[in-house]
Each structure stands twice: as structure tokens, then as C-alpha cells.
Protein backbone atom coordinates (compact mmCIF):
# COMPACT_ATOMS: atom_id res chain seq x y z
CA MET A 1 -13.51 65.66 32.88
CA THR A 2 -14.28 64.39 36.11
CA PRO A 3 -11.44 62.75 37.82
CA THR A 4 -13.50 59.51 38.15
CA ASN A 5 -13.64 59.29 33.88
CA THR A 6 -10.39 60.26 33.89
CA ALA A 7 -9.20 56.75 36.39
CA LYS A 8 -11.54 54.78 33.94
CA SER A 9 -10.46 56.26 30.99
CA ALA A 10 -7.03 55.19 31.82
CA THR A 11 -7.52 51.87 33.43
CA LEU A 12 -9.17 50.53 30.10
CA ASN A 13 -6.55 51.82 27.89
CA THR A 14 -4.09 49.88 30.50
CA VAL A 15 -6.32 46.74 29.71
CA SER A 16 -6.84 46.71 26.40
CA ALA A 17 -2.58 48.01 25.21
CA PRO A 18 -1.67 44.82 23.82
CA ALA A 19 1.39 43.32 25.56
CA SER A 20 4.51 43.76 23.94
CA THR A 21 6.56 40.29 22.42
CA PRO A 22 9.95 40.97 23.43
CA SER A 23 12.61 40.52 20.16
CA SER A 24 14.24 37.89 21.49
CA ALA A 25 10.49 35.91 21.85
CA LEU A 26 10.57 35.59 17.93
CA PRO A 27 11.39 33.08 16.00
CA SER A 28 14.05 34.34 14.14
CA GLY A 29 15.09 32.55 10.42
CA PRO A 30 13.17 29.93 8.89
CA VAL A 31 12.18 26.59 10.98
CA LYS A 32 14.26 23.71 11.39
CA LEU A 33 12.54 20.59 10.33
CA TYR A 34 13.57 17.06 11.46
CA PRO A 35 11.93 15.05 8.34
CA VAL A 36 13.20 11.70 9.87
CA ARG A 37 11.66 12.77 13.28
CA ASP A 38 8.59 13.49 11.57
CA SER A 39 8.43 10.89 8.89
CA MET A 40 8.62 8.14 12.49
CA THR A 41 5.69 10.31 14.06
CA MET A 42 3.35 10.58 10.88
CA LEU A 43 4.50 6.17 10.66
CA ARG A 44 3.55 5.64 14.54
CA ARG A 45 -0.13 7.30 13.79
CA ASN A 46 -0.66 5.30 10.73
CA VAL A 47 0.19 1.88 12.36
CA LYS A 48 -1.84 3.00 15.53
CA ASN A 49 -5.09 3.77 13.18
CA GLN A 50 -4.18 0.70 10.62
CA LEU A 51 -4.45 -1.69 14.03
CA ARG A 52 -7.78 -0.27 14.98
CA ASP A 53 -9.69 -0.39 11.67
CA LYS A 54 -9.67 -4.40 12.02
CA VAL A 55 -12.38 -3.90 8.95
CA ALA A 56 -9.77 -3.08 6.84
CA ILE A 57 -7.24 -5.67 8.05
CA MET A 58 -9.99 -8.13 7.35
CA ALA A 59 -10.58 -7.19 3.93
CA ILE A 60 -6.93 -7.38 3.00
CA VAL A 61 -6.10 -10.69 4.40
CA GLY A 62 -9.82 -12.46 4.08
CA ILE A 63 -10.13 -11.84 0.00
CA PRO A 64 -6.41 -13.38 -0.61
CA VAL A 65 -7.44 -16.63 1.85
CA LEU A 66 -11.18 -16.94 0.94
CA PHE A 67 -9.93 -17.56 -2.91
CA LEU A 68 -7.46 -19.75 -1.41
CA LEU A 69 -10.04 -22.45 -0.04
CA LEU A 70 -11.70 -21.49 -3.04
CA PHE A 71 -9.46 -22.71 -5.40
CA VAL A 72 -7.64 -24.93 -3.48
CA TYR A 73 -10.94 -26.69 -1.86
CA VAL A 74 -13.35 -26.55 -4.59
CA PHE A 75 -11.33 -26.21 -7.70
CA GLY A 76 -8.16 -27.82 -6.99
CA GLY A 77 -8.46 -31.15 -7.86
CA ALA A 78 -9.84 -30.94 -11.31
CA LEU A 79 -7.64 -27.71 -11.76
CA GLY A 80 -4.87 -29.83 -10.28
CA GLU A 81 -5.17 -32.99 -12.97
CA SER A 82 -5.31 -30.56 -15.96
CA LEU A 83 -1.39 -28.98 -14.99
CA PRO A 84 1.51 -31.14 -15.34
CA ASN A 85 4.14 -31.69 -12.53
CA ILE A 86 1.51 -30.46 -10.38
CA GLY A 87 -1.19 -33.31 -9.37
CA LYS A 88 -4.63 -33.22 -7.53
CA GLY A 89 -2.93 -32.82 -4.04
CA HIS A 90 -0.81 -30.14 -4.98
CA TYR A 91 -2.40 -27.31 -6.79
CA VAL A 92 -2.10 -25.27 -3.70
CA ASP A 93 2.07 -24.96 -4.46
CA TYR A 94 0.86 -23.28 -7.71
CA VAL A 95 -2.14 -21.50 -6.98
CA LEU A 96 -0.72 -19.45 -3.54
CA PRO A 97 2.17 -17.23 -5.54
CA GLY A 98 -0.59 -15.51 -7.55
CA LEU A 99 -2.91 -14.87 -4.71
CA ILE A 100 0.22 -13.26 -2.74
CA ILE A 101 0.58 -10.84 -5.43
CA MET A 102 -3.74 -10.64 -5.18
CA THR A 103 -2.88 -9.55 -1.22
CA ALA A 104 -0.20 -7.24 -2.25
CA ALA A 105 -3.07 -5.28 -4.81
CA ALA A 106 -5.83 -5.86 -1.55
CA GLY A 107 -3.20 -3.37 0.33
CA LEU A 108 -3.22 -1.20 -2.45
CA ILE A 109 -7.27 -0.41 -1.86
CA GLY A 110 -6.18 -0.20 1.91
CA THR A 111 -3.72 2.60 1.48
CA SER A 112 -6.14 4.36 -0.95
CA THR A 113 -9.17 4.67 0.90
CA ALA A 114 -7.13 5.46 4.13
CA THR A 115 -5.39 8.38 2.53
CA ALA A 116 -8.96 9.03 1.31
CA VAL A 117 -10.05 9.32 4.73
CA ASP A 118 -7.62 11.72 5.96
CA MET A 119 -8.24 13.65 3.14
CA THR A 120 -11.94 14.22 3.59
CA GLU A 121 -11.76 14.60 7.36
CA GLY A 122 -9.39 17.34 6.82
CA ILE A 123 -6.71 16.21 9.12
CA ILE A 124 -3.90 16.57 5.96
CA ALA A 125 -4.82 19.95 5.67
CA ARG A 126 -4.23 20.37 9.44
CA PHE A 127 -0.57 18.22 8.91
CA ARG A 128 0.25 21.54 6.20
CA THR A 129 -0.67 24.31 8.70
CA MET A 130 2.49 22.64 11.13
CA ALA A 131 5.99 22.78 11.03
CA ILE A 132 6.89 19.79 9.82
CA PHE A 133 8.56 18.17 6.92
CA ARG A 134 5.77 17.86 4.35
CA PRO A 135 7.00 14.83 2.62
CA ALA A 136 6.12 12.81 5.43
CA ILE A 137 2.97 12.67 5.51
CA LEU A 138 3.54 10.47 2.34
CA ILE A 139 6.40 8.81 2.99
CA ALA A 140 4.82 6.93 6.12
CA ARG A 141 2.20 6.05 4.61
CA VAL A 142 3.71 4.17 2.00
CA ILE A 143 5.96 2.63 4.92
CA SER A 144 2.96 1.76 6.70
CA SER A 145 0.94 -0.11 4.04
CA VAL A 146 4.76 -2.11 3.16
CA ILE A 147 4.56 -3.00 6.62
CA GLN A 148 0.72 -3.85 7.07
CA THR A 149 0.99 -5.53 3.37
CA VAL A 150 3.92 -7.88 4.01
CA LEU A 151 2.59 -8.67 7.33
CA SER A 152 -0.85 -10.07 5.42
CA MET A 153 1.48 -11.92 3.43
CA VAL A 154 3.20 -14.11 5.47
CA PHE A 155 -0.79 -14.95 7.26
CA VAL A 156 -1.09 -16.13 3.71
CA LEU A 157 1.64 -17.70 3.45
CA ALA A 158 1.33 -19.86 6.83
CA ILE A 159 -2.52 -20.71 5.86
CA ALA A 160 -0.77 -22.16 2.78
CA MET A 161 1.52 -23.85 4.64
CA LEU A 162 -1.33 -25.34 6.72
CA MET A 163 -3.45 -26.05 3.97
CA GLY A 164 -0.08 -28.31 2.29
CA PHE A 165 1.80 -26.01 0.91
CA ARG A 166 6.06 -27.16 0.65
CA THR A 167 8.81 -25.30 -1.14
CA HIS A 168 10.88 -27.70 -3.17
CA ASN A 169 14.75 -26.86 -3.82
CA THR A 170 14.60 -23.77 -2.47
CA SER A 171 17.56 -22.64 -1.35
CA ALA A 172 17.51 -19.38 1.15
CA LEU A 173 19.02 -17.05 -1.10
CA ASN A 174 15.78 -17.98 -3.05
CA TRP A 175 13.11 -16.87 -0.22
CA LEU A 176 15.62 -14.04 0.39
CA ALA A 177 15.25 -13.04 -3.39
CA ALA A 178 11.11 -13.55 -3.27
CA ALA A 179 11.30 -11.30 0.26
CA GLY A 180 13.29 -8.83 -1.35
CA VAL A 181 10.83 -9.81 -5.00
CA LEU A 182 7.56 -8.99 -2.68
CA VAL A 183 8.58 -6.10 -0.72
CA PHE A 184 9.63 -4.27 -3.53
CA ILE A 185 5.83 -5.49 -5.12
CA SER A 186 4.24 -3.97 -2.48
CA PHE A 187 6.21 -0.48 -1.78
CA ALA A 188 4.97 0.25 -5.56
CA LEU A 189 1.57 -0.98 -5.70
CA ALA A 190 1.82 1.06 -2.01
CA TRP A 191 2.71 4.52 -4.02
CA LEU A 192 0.11 4.31 -6.82
CA GLY A 193 -2.35 3.41 -4.24
CA LEU A 194 -1.38 6.74 -2.43
CA ALA A 195 -2.11 8.05 -5.62
CA PHE A 196 -5.36 6.61 -6.29
CA GLY A 197 -6.56 8.19 -2.32
CA LEU A 198 -5.08 11.76 -2.78
CA ALA A 199 -6.99 12.34 -6.36
CA ALA A 200 -10.56 10.58 -5.13
CA LYS A 201 -12.70 13.47 -4.90
CA THR A 202 -14.55 11.03 -2.00
CA VAL A 203 -13.76 8.23 0.34
CA ALA A 204 -15.95 5.54 -1.88
CA SER A 205 -14.11 6.02 -5.16
CA ALA A 206 -10.69 5.61 -3.42
CA SER A 207 -12.16 2.29 -2.39
CA ASN A 208 -13.87 1.21 -5.43
CA GLY A 209 -11.97 2.80 -8.70
CA PRO A 210 -8.91 0.43 -8.04
CA PHE A 211 -10.65 -2.62 -6.55
CA PRO A 212 -10.02 -4.42 -10.39
CA LEU A 213 -6.42 -4.71 -9.56
CA ILE A 214 -7.13 -7.05 -6.81
CA MET A 215 -8.76 -9.27 -10.01
CA LEU A 216 -6.07 -8.37 -12.38
CA PRO A 217 -3.50 -11.92 -10.81
CA LEU A 218 -6.81 -13.92 -11.82
CA VAL A 219 -6.58 -12.96 -15.31
CA GLY A 220 -2.84 -14.04 -15.91
CA SER A 221 -1.13 -17.26 -14.34
CA GLY A 222 -2.00 -17.07 -11.21
CA ILE A 223 -5.03 -19.63 -11.18
CA VAL A 224 -3.80 -21.73 -14.82
CA PRO A 225 -0.87 -21.37 -17.27
CA THR A 226 -1.95 -18.41 -19.55
CA LYS A 227 -1.27 -20.76 -22.70
CA THR A 228 -4.58 -22.71 -21.89
CA MET A 229 -6.42 -18.77 -22.43
CA PRO A 230 -8.05 -18.27 -25.71
CA THR A 231 -5.62 -16.37 -27.93
CA GLY A 232 -6.77 -12.68 -27.04
CA VAL A 233 -6.77 -13.51 -23.56
CA ARG A 234 -3.51 -14.74 -23.66
CA TYR A 235 -1.64 -11.76 -25.27
CA PHE A 236 -3.04 -9.66 -22.11
CA ALA A 237 -2.45 -12.16 -19.84
CA GLN A 238 1.21 -12.64 -20.86
CA TYR A 239 1.82 -9.08 -21.31
CA GLN A 240 0.26 -7.48 -17.82
CA PRO A 241 2.36 -6.60 -15.04
CA PHE A 242 1.30 -9.18 -12.42
CA THR A 243 1.89 -12.18 -14.69
CA PRO A 244 6.27 -11.89 -14.41
CA MET A 245 5.31 -10.76 -11.03
CA THR A 246 3.74 -14.15 -10.51
CA GLU A 247 5.72 -16.09 -11.74
CA ALA A 248 9.07 -14.12 -10.37
CA THR A 249 7.48 -15.55 -7.07
CA ARG A 250 6.37 -19.12 -8.22
CA GLY A 251 10.11 -20.45 -9.34
CA LEU A 252 11.45 -18.64 -6.30
CA LEU A 253 9.05 -20.25 -3.82
CA LEU A 254 9.31 -23.46 -5.42
CA GLY A 255 12.64 -23.77 -6.97
CA GLY A 256 11.87 -23.64 -10.22
CA HIS A 257 13.40 -21.55 -13.45
CA VAL A 258 13.10 -18.08 -13.20
CA GLY A 259 14.34 -16.75 -16.55
CA HIS A 260 13.79 -13.14 -16.94
CA GLN A 261 10.74 -12.83 -14.93
CA VAL A 262 12.59 -11.15 -11.95
CA LEU A 263 13.57 -8.96 -14.30
CA VAL A 264 10.84 -8.18 -16.16
CA SER A 265 9.06 -7.58 -12.57
CA ILE A 266 11.46 -5.11 -11.22
CA ALA A 267 11.21 -3.00 -14.22
CA TRP A 268 7.28 -2.74 -14.01
CA CYS A 269 7.71 -1.86 -10.22
CA ILE A 270 10.04 0.66 -11.44
CA GLY A 271 7.73 2.35 -13.53
CA THR A 272 4.93 1.72 -11.06
CA THR A 273 6.83 3.69 -8.35
CA VAL A 274 7.65 6.38 -10.79
CA LEU A 275 4.52 6.88 -11.56
CA GLY A 276 2.78 6.85 -8.22
CA MET A 277 5.02 8.93 -6.98
CA PHE A 278 4.41 11.62 -9.46
CA TRP A 279 0.54 10.73 -9.16
CA SER A 280 0.89 11.25 -5.70
CA ILE A 281 2.95 14.72 -5.67
CA LYS A 282 0.77 16.45 -8.20
CA ALA A 283 -2.24 15.40 -6.36
CA PHE A 284 -0.70 16.45 -3.31
CA ASN A 285 0.21 19.80 -3.89
CA ARG A 286 -2.70 20.04 -5.85
CA ASN A 287 -5.50 19.56 -3.19
CA ARG A 288 -3.02 22.06 -1.20
CA THR A 289 -3.85 25.20 -3.14
CA SER A 290 -6.77 24.25 -4.02
């Protein structure tokens, strides 16, 4: 071998040899996770995405407001006169609680759709490869959904007040109790929406699958008392979950008799939260291994 070839061979060997990594630069032990920090980071991301999605905001707020305008200004006269202690000009007082619950159901669809978008675009798969607290992905989605839903409820309440809604003999404690019940309802439905989004194969199925839940408050005491319904429909309306939620909200906001409706609503919320949480975890882990 000539001296020239020997020099070239040495140069190639020098360039192609991998640089040795000092042992002190390699990570030692398990990666340290930061649950609160990671959850807050994911929450900021979700909130920013929600603010950019104007169509979803209009859908969550617009559907209840549209029904509020329809039932108060179109059907309110006839429906109000048929209800005891309501009257023609105060039907908005009766119908508002049911439409607030409808707002929570609309928020469920927003959660399901946003989750499905993240799943189909692959961002969730990328998050799984990062050294982050993985439950933060689910926790942040639920919290951001609750924030969006509660703000939407406040907006619907403000519109109703402009339309003449007034509370009667409602104490500050009743307002706090009503707020607590509505936040719990939003929290429970957010977990259910998250489960729908994780389990859905497409964004369309995540959006259309839970859509009937928006109409469920109407097949209850949201529009008229259940006692005015035919027997079969009345039984369904009395024992479906949104009826006690509507009655509890109505009683707390209007200062009326609440009875056991708050406890029944809390029981439904606990059951829905447990169902949504276990379903979400199962779907998340299944997608992770698929």
C-alpha cells in the first residue's frame, strides 16, 4: 500500500469512527416527571386551541342560545300559560335550567371532537414518546373542557337575563350550590366526552356519536313538566339523568324546593365520572399498544 493510500485510509477511519460519549452525560436512573407542570403545559395548549376554533365555540354556545330564543319568543307564550306559577311572561325562568344542562351536553361533543382530532393527527402518539406525565394528556383535556363549558353556561345565563330571567328568593348559598352542581356536571360529561373521542375511529364519529345527548334534556323536565307527558315517555323522562340535574338547577336558581334532586344529580355525576374515567383509560391504553 502506498503512503498516499495509507493516509486516506487513516483519514476515513478517523471521520467514520463514532465519537465516544462520556458516561457522565448519559441519563442515570428513571426520568423524573413533573405532573403539575406537565398538566399545566397541556392545559395551556388545549385552551389556545379552543380559542382558535371559533366554529366549536359557536356550536357549544349557539345551540343552547338558539333553543332559548326559540322556546321563549316562539313557544313561550303558549307553554308559559300552561304551567302553574309561571305565566306568559316568565317562561324563560322555567326553561333556562334545562338549556344550561344542554350547554354542558354540547360541551361534551366539543371535548369528544377535539380529542379525536388529536388522535387522528398523531399528536397524542408523539406526546407518548416524550418524557412527560402521560395522565396529564387526559387531565388537561378534561380541565380545559370544564373551563370552556362553564364559561359557555355563564354566557347563556347572561343572555337569559337580558331576556328577562330573574331569580326569586335565591340566596348566595343557593348560587354557590348551583355553581358547584353545574361544575360537577361539566366535569362528569367532560370525562364521558373524552372517552368518546379516544374510542372513536374518525373525527366524524366522535362528533356525531354523542350528539343525541344534546337533545336528552328536552326529553325531560327542561321544557315542560314530566307529568304532562304520556305514560311511557314520562317514565323515561323522570328516570333519565338530565331530569334531576335540571330540577336541582331550577330549584337552586329560583329558590324553590329542591328535595333529593341534588343528591340524585351528584350520584349520576359520580357514576358518569367513573364510567368516563375507566373508559378513557382503557381506550387510551388500547390506542397506545395498537
